[in-house]
Structures are given as structure tokens and as C-alpha cells.
Amino acid sequence: MRTLTLDDRRKIEMMWGENVSPVKIATELGISQCTVYTELKRGRCVRAGGDVELDKNFRSAYSAERGQSVYQMNLRNRGRRPKRGIEQKGADGV
């Protein structure tokens, strides 16, 4: 399994805008179909009211930049959460 780069996401955005199916996108990039569907969900454009924005093909619009920013935010947020009520000690132990 490999991590998608911003260039990969831009290729997905371009191909999705050209009405290419997720199966063909997966084949072209050498990734699984599940990865493409997950990425399309991650980079989905949403309006202020919570409605999904549609592209010219009447499918949910995809933004490579949004997908990358959501991925990086999720990457920062993963891991073990600190316990409540216990203050974390600094690097010097104080």
C-alpha cells in the first residue's frame, strides 16, 4: 500500500472531471478501487449549508487540495489521546 501524493490527487481530480470511472482511475494510478472511493469522499467539495457541490457531470465535485489538507489533518490527529485530568510533563520533566 502506498500513500497518495498531491500529484496523484491532481490526476484523480483531472480524470474525475473528465467523467472517468473510479475503476479506470484505480487502474491508471495502480491503486485499489477502495482507495479511489475513499479519496473521492475525502476531497468532496461541500457548500456552506452542508450540501454536496456537483461538477459538470452531476457527480460530487472533487478537489485535490481539499483531499490533501484533510489527509494531513487526519495524519496530525491520529495516535493516542492524553488522559483527562493528567497534565503532560514537558521534555525536561517539570
PDB file of N, CA and C in Angstrom:
ATOM      1  N   MET A   1       0.843  -1.170   0.000  1.00  0.00           N
ATOM      2  CA  MET A   1       0.000   0.000   0.000  1.00  0.00           C
ATOM      3  C   MET A   1       0.890   1.236   0.000  1.00  0.00           C
ATOM      4  N   ARG A   2       0.544   2.184  -0.825  1.00  0.00           N
ATOM      5  CA  ARG A   2       1.333   3.400  -0.882  1.00  0.00           C
ATOM      6  C   ARG A   2       0.449   4.604  -0.578  1.00  0.00           C
ATOM      7  N   THR A   3       1.076   5.675  -0.172  1.00  0.00           N
ATOM      8  CA  THR A   3       0.359   6.899   0.148  1.00  0.00           C
ATOM      9  C   THR A   3       0.210   7.742  -1.110  1.00  0.00           C
ATOM     10  N   LEU A   4      -0.954   8.327  -1.301  1.00  0.00           N
ATOM     11  CA  LEU A   4      -1.175   9.188  -2.451  1.00  0.00           C
ATOM     12  C   LEU A   4      -0.478  10.527  -2.243  1.00  0.00           C
ATOM     13  N   THR A   5       0.145  11.009  -3.287  1.00  0.00           N
ATOM     14  CA  THR A   5       0.776  12.321  -3.247  1.00  0.00           C
ATOM     15  C   THR A   5      -0.194  13.354  -3.805  1.00  0.00           C
ATOM     16  N   LEU A   6       0.177  14.619  -3.703  1.00  0.00           N
ATOM     17  CA  LEU A   6      -0.656  15.681  -4.247  1.00  0.00           C
ATOM     18  C   LEU A   6      -0.774  15.539  -5.761  1.00  0.00           C
ATOM     19  N   ASP A   7       0.293  15.087  -6.416  1.00  0.00           N
ATOM     20  CA  ASP A   7       0.232  14.863  -7.867  1.00  0.00           C
ATOM     21  C   ASP A   7      -0.769  13.762  -8.216  1.00  0.00           C
ATOM     22  N   ASP A   8      -0.792  12.686  -7.415  1.00  0.00           N
ATOM     23  CA  ASP A   8      -1.776  11.616  -7.623  1.00  0.00           C
ATOM     24  C   ASP A   8      -3.192  12.166  -7.460  1.00  0.00           C
ATOM     25  N   ARG A   9      -3.372  12.993  -6.444  1.00  0.00           N
ATOM     26  CA  ARG A   9      -4.694  13.580  -6.202  1.00  0.00           C
ATOM     27  C   ARG A   9      -5.110  14.501  -7.345  1.00  0.00           C
ATOM     28  N   ARG A  10      -4.154  15.219  -7.907  1.00  0.00           N
ATOM     29  CA  ARG A  10      -4.469  16.085  -9.065  1.00  0.00           C
ATOM     30  C   ARG A  10      -4.849  15.250 -10.283  1.00  0.00           C
ATOM     31  N   LYS A  11      -4.209  14.094 -10.465  1.00  0.00           N
ATOM     32  CA  LYS A  11      -4.591  13.197 -11.566  1.00  0.00           C
ATOM     33  C   LYS A  11      -6.003  12.676 -11.350  1.00  0.00           C
ATOM     34  N   ILE A  12      -6.324  12.332 -10.097  1.00  0.00           N
ATOM     35  CA  ILE A  12      -7.685  11.882  -9.796  1.00  0.00           C
ATOM     36  C   ILE A  12      -8.678  12.995 -10.099  1.00  0.00           C
ATOM     37  N   GLU A  13      -8.345  14.220  -9.698  1.00  0.00           N
ATOM     38  CA  GLU A  13      -9.233  15.357  -9.942  1.00  0.00           C
ATOM     39  C   GLU A  13      -9.452  15.572 -11.442  1.00  0.00           C
ATOM     40  N   MET A  14      -8.373  15.505 -12.222  1.00  0.00           N
ATOM     41  CA  MET A  14      -8.476  15.696 -13.666  1.00  0.00           C
ATOM     42  C   MET A  14      -9.319  14.588 -14.312  1.00  0.00           C
ATOM     43  N   MET A  15      -9.031  13.340 -13.954  1.00  0.00           N
ATOM     44  CA  MET A  15      -9.756  12.222 -14.552  1.00  0.00           C
ATOM     45  C   MET A  15     -11.212  12.209 -14.107  1.00  0.00           C
ATOM     46  N   TRP A  16     -11.487  12.539 -12.848  1.00  0.00           N
ATOM     47  CA  TRP A  16     -12.853  12.580 -12.328  1.00  0.00           C
ATOM     48  C   TRP A  16     -13.645  13.668 -13.058  1.00  0.00           C
ATOM     49  N   GLY A  17     -12.978  14.795 -13.356  1.00  0.00           N
ATOM     50  CA  GLY A  17     -13.620  15.878 -14.099  1.00  0.00           C
ATOM     51  C   GLY A  17     -13.912  15.504 -15.544  1.00  0.00           C
ATOM     52  N   GLU A  18     -13.131  14.567 -16.094  1.00  0.00           N
ATOM     53  CA  GLU A  18     -13.346  14.089 -17.459  1.00  0.00           C
ATOM     54  C   GLU A  18     -14.319  12.915 -17.510  1.00  0.00           C
ATOM     55  N   ASN A  19     -15.004  12.643 -16.398  1.00  0.00           N
ATOM     56  CA  ASN A  19     -16.036  11.605 -16.311  1.00  0.00           C
ATOM     57  C   ASN A  19     -15.473  10.190 -16.446  1.00  0.00           C
ATOM     58  N   VAL A  20     -14.244   9.987 -15.950  1.00  0.00           N
ATOM     59  CA  VAL A  20     -13.630   8.658 -15.946  1.00  0.00           C
ATOM     60  C   VAL A  20     -14.123   7.911 -14.706  1.00  0.00           C
ATOM     61  N   SER A  21     -14.394   6.637 -14.858  1.00  0.00           N
ATOM     62  CA  SER A  21     -14.902   5.846 -13.735  1.00  0.00           C
ATOM     63  C   SER A  21     -13.801   5.602 -12.699  1.00  0.00           C
ATOM     64  N   PRO A  22     -14.201   5.410 -11.440  1.00  0.00           N
ATOM     65  CA  PRO A  22     -13.203   5.125 -10.402  1.00  0.00           C
ATOM     66  C   PRO A  22     -12.384   3.866 -10.669  1.00  0.00           C
ATOM     67  N   VAL A  23     -12.973   2.898 -11.344  1.00  0.00           N
ATOM     68  CA  VAL A  23     -12.250   1.660 -11.670  1.00  0.00           C
ATOM     69  C   VAL A  23     -11.094   1.967 -12.623  1.00  0.00           C
ATOM     70  N   LYS A  24     -11.353   2.810 -13.632  1.00  0.00           N
ATOM     71  CA  LYS A  24     -10.299   3.172 -14.587  1.00  0.00           C
ATOM     72  C   LYS A  24      -9.245   4.069 -13.933  1.00  0.00           C
ATOM     73  N   ILE A  25      -9.675   4.934 -13.013  1.00  0.00           N
ATOM     74  CA  ILE A  25      -8.725   5.779 -12.287  1.00  0.00           C
ATOM     75  C   ILE A  25      -7.784   4.893 -11.470  1.00  0.00           C
ATOM     76  N   ALA A  26      -8.340   3.894 -10.792  1.00  0.00           N
ATOM     77  CA  ALA A  26      -7.533   2.980  -9.984  1.00  0.00           C
ATOM     78  C   ALA A  26      -6.534   2.224 -10.850  1.00  0.00           C
ATOM     79  N   THR A  27      -6.967   1.768 -12.004  1.00  0.00           N
ATOM     80  CA  THR A  27      -6.086   1.036 -12.911  1.00  0.00           C
ATOM     81  C   THR A  27      -4.961   1.931 -13.414  1.00  0.00           C
ATOM     82  N   GLU A  28      -5.302   3.163 -13.767  1.00  0.00           N
ATOM     83  CA  GLU A  28      -4.313   4.109 -14.291  1.00  0.00           C
ATOM     84  C   GLU A  28      -3.247   4.455 -13.251  1.00  0.00           C
ATOM     85  N   LEU A  29      -3.655   4.638 -11.999  1.00  0.00           N
ATOM     86  CA  LEU A  29      -2.714   5.023 -10.944  1.00  0.00           C
ATOM     87  C   LEU A  29      -2.062   3.825 -10.250  1.00  0.00           C
ATOM     88  N   GLY A  30      -2.582   2.631 -10.499  1.00  0.00           N
ATOM     89  CA  GLY A  30      -2.017   1.433  -9.869  1.00  0.00           C
ATOM     90  C   GLY A  30      -2.372   1.310  -8.401  1.00  0.00           C
ATOM     91  N   ILE A  31      -3.577   1.737  -8.048  1.00  0.00           N
ATOM     92  CA  ILE A  31      -4.061   1.654  -6.673  1.00  0.00           C
ATOM     93  C   ILE A  31      -5.375   0.895  -6.665  1.00  0.00           C
ATOM     94  N   SER A  32      -5.880   0.578  -5.482  1.00  0.00           N
ATOM     95  CA  SER A  32      -7.124  -0.175  -5.399  1.00  0.00           C
ATOM     96  C   SER A  32      -8.328   0.742  -5.611  1.00  0.00           C
ATOM     97  N   GLN A  33      -9.446   0.137  -5.972  1.00  0.00           N
ATOM     98  CA  GLN A  33     -10.686   0.883  -6.161  1.00  0.00           C
ATOM     99  C   GLN A  33     -11.143   1.514  -4.858  1.00  0.00           C
ATOM    100  N   CYS A  34     -10.941   0.805  -3.762  1.00  0.00           N
ATOM    101  CA  CYS A  34     -11.329   1.305  -2.454  1.00  0.00           C
ATOM    102  C   CYS A  34     -10.576   2.595  -2.130  1.00  0.00           C
ATOM    103  N   THR A  35      -9.309   2.664  -2.503  1.00  0.00           N
ATOM    104  CA  THR A  35      -8.516   3.871  -2.269  1.00  0.00           C
ATOM    105  C   THR A  35      -9.085   5.049  -3.046  1.00  0.00           C
ATOM    106  N   VAL A  36      -9.501   4.807  -4.273  1.00  0.00           N
ATOM    107  CA  VAL A  36     -10.084   5.873  -5.096  1.00  0.00           C
ATOM    108  C   VAL A  36     -11.387   6.365  -4.480  1.00  0.00           C
ATOM    109  N   TYR A  37     -12.252   5.445  -4.087  1.00  0.00           N
ATOM    110  CA  TYR A  37     -13.529   5.839  -3.484  1.00  0.00           C
ATOM    111  C   TYR A  37     -13.305   6.597  -2.171  1.00  0.00           C
ATOM    112  N   THR A  38     -12.342   6.150  -1.363  1.00  0.00           N
ATOM    113  CA  THR A  38     -12.027   6.835  -0.106  1.00  0.00           C
ATOM    114  C   THR A  38     -11.507   8.240  -0.390  1.00  0.00           C
ATOM    115  N   GLU A  39     -10.661   8.373  -1.394  1.00  0.00           N
ATOM    116  CA  GLU A  39     -10.098   9.673  -1.747  1.00  0.00           C
ATOM    117  C   GLU A  39     -11.168  10.612  -2.300  1.00  0.00           C
ATOM    118  N   LEU A  40     -12.094  10.083  -3.085  1.00  0.00           N
ATOM    119  CA  LEU A  40     -13.185  10.911  -3.607  1.00  0.00           C
ATOM    120  C   LEU A  40     -14.068  11.425  -2.470  1.00  0.00           C
ATOM    121  N   LYS A  41     -14.238  10.607  -1.456  1.00  0.00           N
ATOM    122  CA  LYS A  41     -15.016  11.037  -0.291  1.00  0.00           C
ATOM    123  C   LYS A  41     -14.241  12.074   0.514  1.00  0.00           C
ATOM    124  N   ARG A  42     -12.942  11.879   0.651  1.00  0.00           N
ATOM    125  CA  ARG A  42     -12.094  12.788   1.426  1.00  0.00           C
ATOM    126  C   ARG A  42     -12.042  14.176   0.783  1.00  0.00           C
ATOM    127  N   GLY A  43     -11.970  14.243  -0.527  1.00  0.00           N
ATOM    128  CA  GLY A  43     -11.831  15.523  -1.217  1.00  0.00           C
ATOM    129  C   GLY A  43     -13.132  16.100  -1.730  1.00  0.00           C
ATOM    130  N   ARG A  44     -14.240  15.601  -1.228  1.00  0.00           N
ATOM    131  CA  ARG A  44     -15.566  16.070  -1.682  1.00  0.00           C
ATOM    132  C   ARG A  44     -15.749  17.535  -1.307  1.00  0.00           C
ATOM    133  N   CYS A  45     -16.249  18.323  -2.256  1.00  0.00           N
ATOM    134  CA  CYS A  45     -16.497  19.745  -2.023  1.00  0.00           C
ATOM    135  C   CYS A  45     -17.893  19.905  -1.432  1.00  0.00           C
ATOM    136  N   VAL A  46     -17.956  20.638  -0.321  1.00  0.00           N
ATOM    137  CA  VAL A  46     -19.217  20.845   0.383  1.00  0.00           C
ATOM    138  C   VAL A  46     -19.480  22.338   0.485  1.00  0.00           C
ATOM    139  N   ARG A  47     -20.709  22.729   0.229  1.00  0.00           N
ATOM    140  CA  ARG A  47     -21.097  24.137   0.357  1.00  0.00           C
ATOM    141  C   ARG A  47     -21.279  24.497   1.820  1.00  0.00           C
ATOM    142  N   ALA A  48     -21.485  25.801   2.076  1.00  0.00           N
ATOM    143  CA  ALA A  48     -21.618  26.303   3.448  1.00  0.00           C
ATOM    144  C   ALA A  48     -22.818  25.685   4.163  1.00  0.00           C
ATOM    145  N   GLY A  49     -23.893  25.389   3.449  1.00  0.00           N
ATOM    146  CA  GLY A  49     -25.081  24.807   4.064  1.00  0.00           C
ATOM    147  C   GLY A  49     -24.976  23.319   4.307  1.00  0.00           C
ATOM    148  N   GLY A  50     -23.875  22.705   3.898  1.00  0.00           N
ATOM    149  CA  GLY A  50     -23.694  21.273   4.090  1.00  0.00           C
ATOM    150  C   GLY A  50     -24.073  20.448   2.873  1.00  0.00           C
ATOM    151  N   ASP A  51     -24.543  21.106   1.814  1.00  0.00           N
ATOM    152  CA  ASP A  51     -24.899  20.391   0.591  1.00  0.00           C
ATOM    153  C   ASP A  51     -23.641  20.051  -0.193  1.00  0.00           C
ATOM    154  N   VAL A  52     -23.668  18.910  -0.861  1.00  0.00           N
ATOM    155  CA  VAL A  52     -22.537  18.486  -1.677  1.00  0.00           C
ATOM    156  C   VAL A  52     -22.577  19.251  -2.995  1.00  0.00           C
ATOM    157  N   GLU A  53     -21.430  19.804  -3.373  1.00  0.00           N
ATOM    158  CA  GLU A  53     -21.322  20.533  -4.630  1.00  0.00           C
ATOM    159  C   GLU A  53     -21.168  19.536  -5.775  1.00  0.00           C
ATOM    160  N   LEU A  54     -21.867  19.777  -6.887  1.00  0.00           N
ATOM    161  CA  LEU A  54     -21.812  18.877  -8.037  1.00  0.00           C
ATOM    162  C   LEU A  54     -20.927  19.468  -9.126  1.00  0.00           C
ATOM    163  N   ASP A  55     -20.270  18.591  -9.902  1.00  0.00           N
ATOM    164  CA  ASP A  55     -19.459  19.057 -11.018  1.00  0.00           C
ATOM    165  C   ASP A  55     -20.296  19.079 -12.294  1.00  0.00           C
ATOM    166  N   LYS A  56     -19.638  19.282 -13.432  1.00  0.00           N
ATOM    167  CA  LYS A  56     -20.369  19.391 -14.703  1.00  0.00           C
ATOM    168  C   LYS A  56     -21.031  18.073 -15.119  1.00  0.00           C
ATOM    169  N   ASN A  57     -20.578  16.957 -14.544  1.00  0.00           N
ATOM    170  CA  ASN A  57     -21.147  15.642 -14.856  1.00  0.00           C
ATOM    171  C   ASN A  57     -22.219  15.229 -13.854  1.00  0.00           C
ATOM    172  N   PHE A  58     -22.613  16.169 -12.980  1.00  0.00           N
ATOM    173  CA  PHE A  58     -23.622  15.942 -11.948  1.00  0.00           C
ATOM    174  C   PHE A  58     -23.210  14.862 -10.947  1.00  0.00           C
ATOM    175  N   ARG A  59     -21.901  14.781 -10.698  1.00  0.00           N
ATOM    176  CA  ARG A  59     -21.362  13.926  -9.652  1.00  0.00           C
ATOM    177  C   ARG A  59     -20.764  14.837  -8.596  1.00  0.00           C
ATOM    178  N   SER A  60     -20.505  14.321  -7.415  1.00  0.00           N
ATOM    179  CA  SER A  60     -19.934  15.162  -6.365  1.00  0.00           C
ATOM    180  C   SER A  60     -18.565  15.669  -6.822  1.00  0.00           C
ATOM    181  N   ALA A  61     -18.355  16.975  -6.660  1.00  0.00           N
ATOM    182  CA  ALA A  61     -17.112  17.603  -7.094  1.00  0.00           C
ATOM    183  C   ALA A  61     -15.968  17.166  -6.185  1.00  0.00           C
ATOM    184  N   TYR A  62     -14.776  17.026  -6.764  1.00  0.00           N
ATOM    185  CA  TYR A  62     -13.595  16.599  -6.028  1.00  0.00           C
ATOM    186  C   TYR A  62     -12.516  17.661  -6.158  1.00  0.00           C
ATOM    187  N   SER A  63     -11.856  17.963  -5.052  1.00  0.00           N
ATOM    188  CA  SER A  63     -10.752  18.915  -5.043  1.00  0.00           C
ATOM    189  C   SER A  63      -9.509  18.228  -4.488  1.00  0.00           C
ATOM    190  N   ALA A  64      -8.433  18.236  -5.276  1.00  0.00           N
ATOM    191  CA  ALA A  64      -7.184  17.604  -4.841  1.00  0.00           C
ATOM    192  C   ALA A  64      -6.600  18.322  -3.631  1.00  0.00           C
ATOM    193  N   GLU A  65      -6.693  19.640  -3.609  1.00  0.00           N
ATOM    194  CA  GLU A  65      -6.148  20.411  -2.494  1.00  0.00           C
ATOM    195  C   GLU A  65      -6.917  20.119  -1.211  1.00  0.00           C
ATOM    196  N   ARG A  66      -8.233  20.003  -1.309  1.00  0.00           N
ATOM    197  CA  ARG A  66      -9.031  19.677  -0.128  1.00  0.00           C
ATOM    198  C   ARG A  66      -8.699  18.268   0.361  1.00  0.00           C
ATOM    199  N   GLY A  67      -8.562  17.316  -0.555  1.00  0.00           N
ATOM    200  CA  GLY A  67      -8.195  15.957  -0.179  1.00  0.00           C
ATOM    201  C   GLY A  67      -6.859  15.904   0.532  1.00  0.00           C
ATOM    202  N   GLN A  68      -5.885  16.684   0.041  1.00  0.00           N
ATOM    203  CA  GLN A  68      -4.566  16.719   0.666  1.00  0.00           C
ATOM    204  C   GLN A  68      -4.631  17.346   2.057  1.00  0.00           C
ATOM    205  N   SER A  69      -5.382  18.434   2.203  1.00  0.00           N
ATOM    206  CA  SER A  69      -5.460  19.096   3.510  1.00  0.00           C
ATOM    207  C   SER A  69      -6.194  18.232   4.535  1.00  0.00           C
ATOM    208  N   VAL A  70      -7.251  17.536   4.112  1.00  0.00           N
ATOM    209  CA  VAL A  70      -7.969  16.640   5.027  1.00  0.00           C
ATOM    210  C   VAL A  70      -7.066  15.474   5.419  1.00  0.00           C
ATOM    211  N   TYR A  71      -6.302  14.945   4.474  1.00  0.00           N
ATOM    212  CA  TYR A  71      -5.375  13.858   4.769  1.00  0.00           C
ATOM    213  C   TYR A  71      -4.343  14.295   5.805  1.00  0.00           C
ATOM    214  N   GLN A  72      -3.755  15.493   5.612  1.00  0.00           N
ATOM    215  CA  GLN A  72      -2.749  15.975   6.547  1.00  0.00           C
ATOM    216  C   GLN A  72      -3.346  16.251   7.927  1.00  0.00           C
ATOM    217  N   MET A  73      -4.579  16.757   7.969  1.00  0.00           N
ATOM    218  CA  MET A  73      -5.233  16.997   9.247  1.00  0.00           C
ATOM    219  C   MET A  73      -5.482  15.679   9.976  1.00  0.00           C
ATOM    220  N   ASN A  74      -5.939  14.661   9.250  1.00  0.00           N
ATOM    221  CA  ASN A  74      -6.166  13.352   9.852  1.00  0.00           C
ATOM    222  C   ASN A  74      -4.853  12.723  10.323  1.00  0.00           C
ATOM    223  N   LEU A  75      -3.783  12.975   9.596  1.00  0.00           N
ATOM    224  CA  LEU A  75      -2.476  12.453   9.965  1.00  0.00           C
ATOM    225  C   LEU A  75      -2.002  13.061  11.287  1.00  0.00           C
ATOM    226  N   ARG A  76      -2.236  14.366  11.467  1.00  0.00           N
ATOM    227  CA  ARG A  76      -1.860  15.037  12.712  1.00  0.00           C
ATOM    228  C   ARG A  76      -2.711  14.564  13.882  1.00  0.00           C
ATOM    229  N   ASN A  77      -3.974  14.246  13.634  1.00  0.00           N
ATOM    230  CA  ASN A  77      -4.897  13.908  14.713  1.00  0.00           C
ATOM    231  C   ASN A  77      -4.836  12.453  15.163  1.00  0.00           C
ATOM    232  N   ARG A  78      -4.152  11.606  14.427  1.00  0.00           N
ATOM    233  CA  ARG A  78      -4.163  10.202  14.829  1.00  0.00           C
ATOM    234  C   ARG A  78      -3.159   9.947  15.947  1.00  0.00           C
ATOM    235  N   GLY A  79      -3.359   8.847  16.612  1.00  0.00           N
ATOM    236  CA  GLY A  79      -2.483   8.498  17.726  1.00  0.00           C
ATOM    237  C   GLY A  79      -3.250   8.490  19.031  1.00  0.00           C
ATOM    238  N   ARG A  80      -2.562   8.176  20.076  1.00  0.00           N
ATOM    239  CA  ARG A  80      -3.176   8.070  21.389  1.00  0.00           C
ATOM    240  C   ARG A  80      -3.467   9.457  21.948  1.00  0.00           C
ATOM    241  N   ARG A  81      -4.629   9.603  22.537  1.00  0.00           N
ATOM    242  CA  ARG A  81      -5.031  10.865  23.141  1.00  0.00           C
ATOM    243  C   ARG A  81      -4.565  10.900  24.597  1.00  0.00           C
ATOM    244  N   PRO A  82      -4.175  12.066  25.103  1.00  0.00           N
ATOM    245  CA  PRO A  82      -3.772  12.153  26.506  1.00  0.00           C
ATOM    246  C   PRO A  82      -4.960  11.925  27.427  1.00  0.00           C
ATOM    247  N   LYS A  83      -4.688  11.353  28.600  1.00  0.00           N
ATOM    248  CA  LYS A  83      -5.747  11.098  29.574  1.00  0.00           C
ATOM    249  C   LYS A  83      -6.228  12.409  30.158  1.00  0.00           C
ATOM    250  N   ARG A  84      -7.512  12.450  30.499  1.00  0.00           N
ATOM    251  CA  ARG A  84      -8.082  13.661  31.091  1.00  0.00           C
ATOM    252  C   ARG A  84      -7.591  13.834  32.516  1.00  0.00           C
ATOM    253  N   GLY A  85      -7.386  15.092  32.909  1.00  0.00           N
ATOM    254  CA  GLY A  85      -7.026  15.386  34.279  1.00  0.00           C
ATOM    255  C   GLY A  85      -5.556  15.219  34.606  1.00  0.00           C
ATOM    256  N   ILE A  86      -4.801  14.619  33.721  1.00  0.00           N
ATOM    257  CA  ILE A  86      -3.375  14.427  33.968  1.00  0.00           C
ATOM    258  C   ILE A  86      -2.624  15.395  33.068  1.00  0.00           C
ATOM    259  N   GLU A  87      -1.863  16.282  33.671  1.00  0.00           N
ATOM    260  CA  GLU A  87      -1.091  17.237  32.887  1.00  0.00           C
ATOM    261  C   GLU A  87       0.145  16.559  32.341  1.00  0.00           C
ATOM    262  N   GLN A  88       0.472  16.894  31.115  1.00  0.00           N
ATOM    263  CA  GLN A  88       1.637  16.302  30.475  1.00  0.00           C
ATOM    264  C   GLN A  88       2.901  16.995  30.963  1.00  0.00           C
ATOM    265  N   LYS A  89       3.918  16.225  31.249  1.00  0.00           N
ATOM    266  CA  LYS A  89       5.211  16.782  31.620  1.00  0.00           C
ATOM    267  C   LYS A  89       5.938  17.205  30.361  1.00  0.00           C
ATOM    268  N   GLY A  90       6.715  18.261  30.467  1.00  0.00           N
ATOM    269  CA  GLY A  90       7.489  18.732  29.348  1.00  0.00           C
ATOM    270  C   GLY A  90       8.696  17.844  29.103  1.00  0.00           C
ATOM    271  N   ALA A  91       9.511  18.216  28.158  1.00  0.00           N
ATOM    272  CA  ALA A  91      10.701  17.430  27.817  1.00  0.00           C
ATOM    273  C   ALA A  91      11.708  17.404  28.961  1.00  0.00           C
ATOM    274  N   ASP A  92      11.704  18.460  29.801  1.00  0.00           N
ATOM    275  CA  ASP A  92      12.664  18.494  30.900  1.00  0.00           C
ATOM    276  C   ASP A  92      12.152  17.820  32.165  1.00  0.00           C
ATOM    277  N   GLY A  93      10.928  17.281  32.135  1.00  0.00           N
ATOM    278  CA  GLY A  93      10.394  16.541  33.266  1.00  0.00           C
ATOM    279  C   GLY A  93       9.710  17.399  34.304  1.00  0.00           C
ATOM    280  N   VAL A  94       9.557  18.674  34.032  1.00  0.00           N
ATOM    281  CA  VAL A  94       8.918  19.585  35.009  1.00  0.00           C
ATOM    282  C   VAL A  94       7.471  19.750  34.690  1.00  0.00           C
TER     283      VAL A  94
END
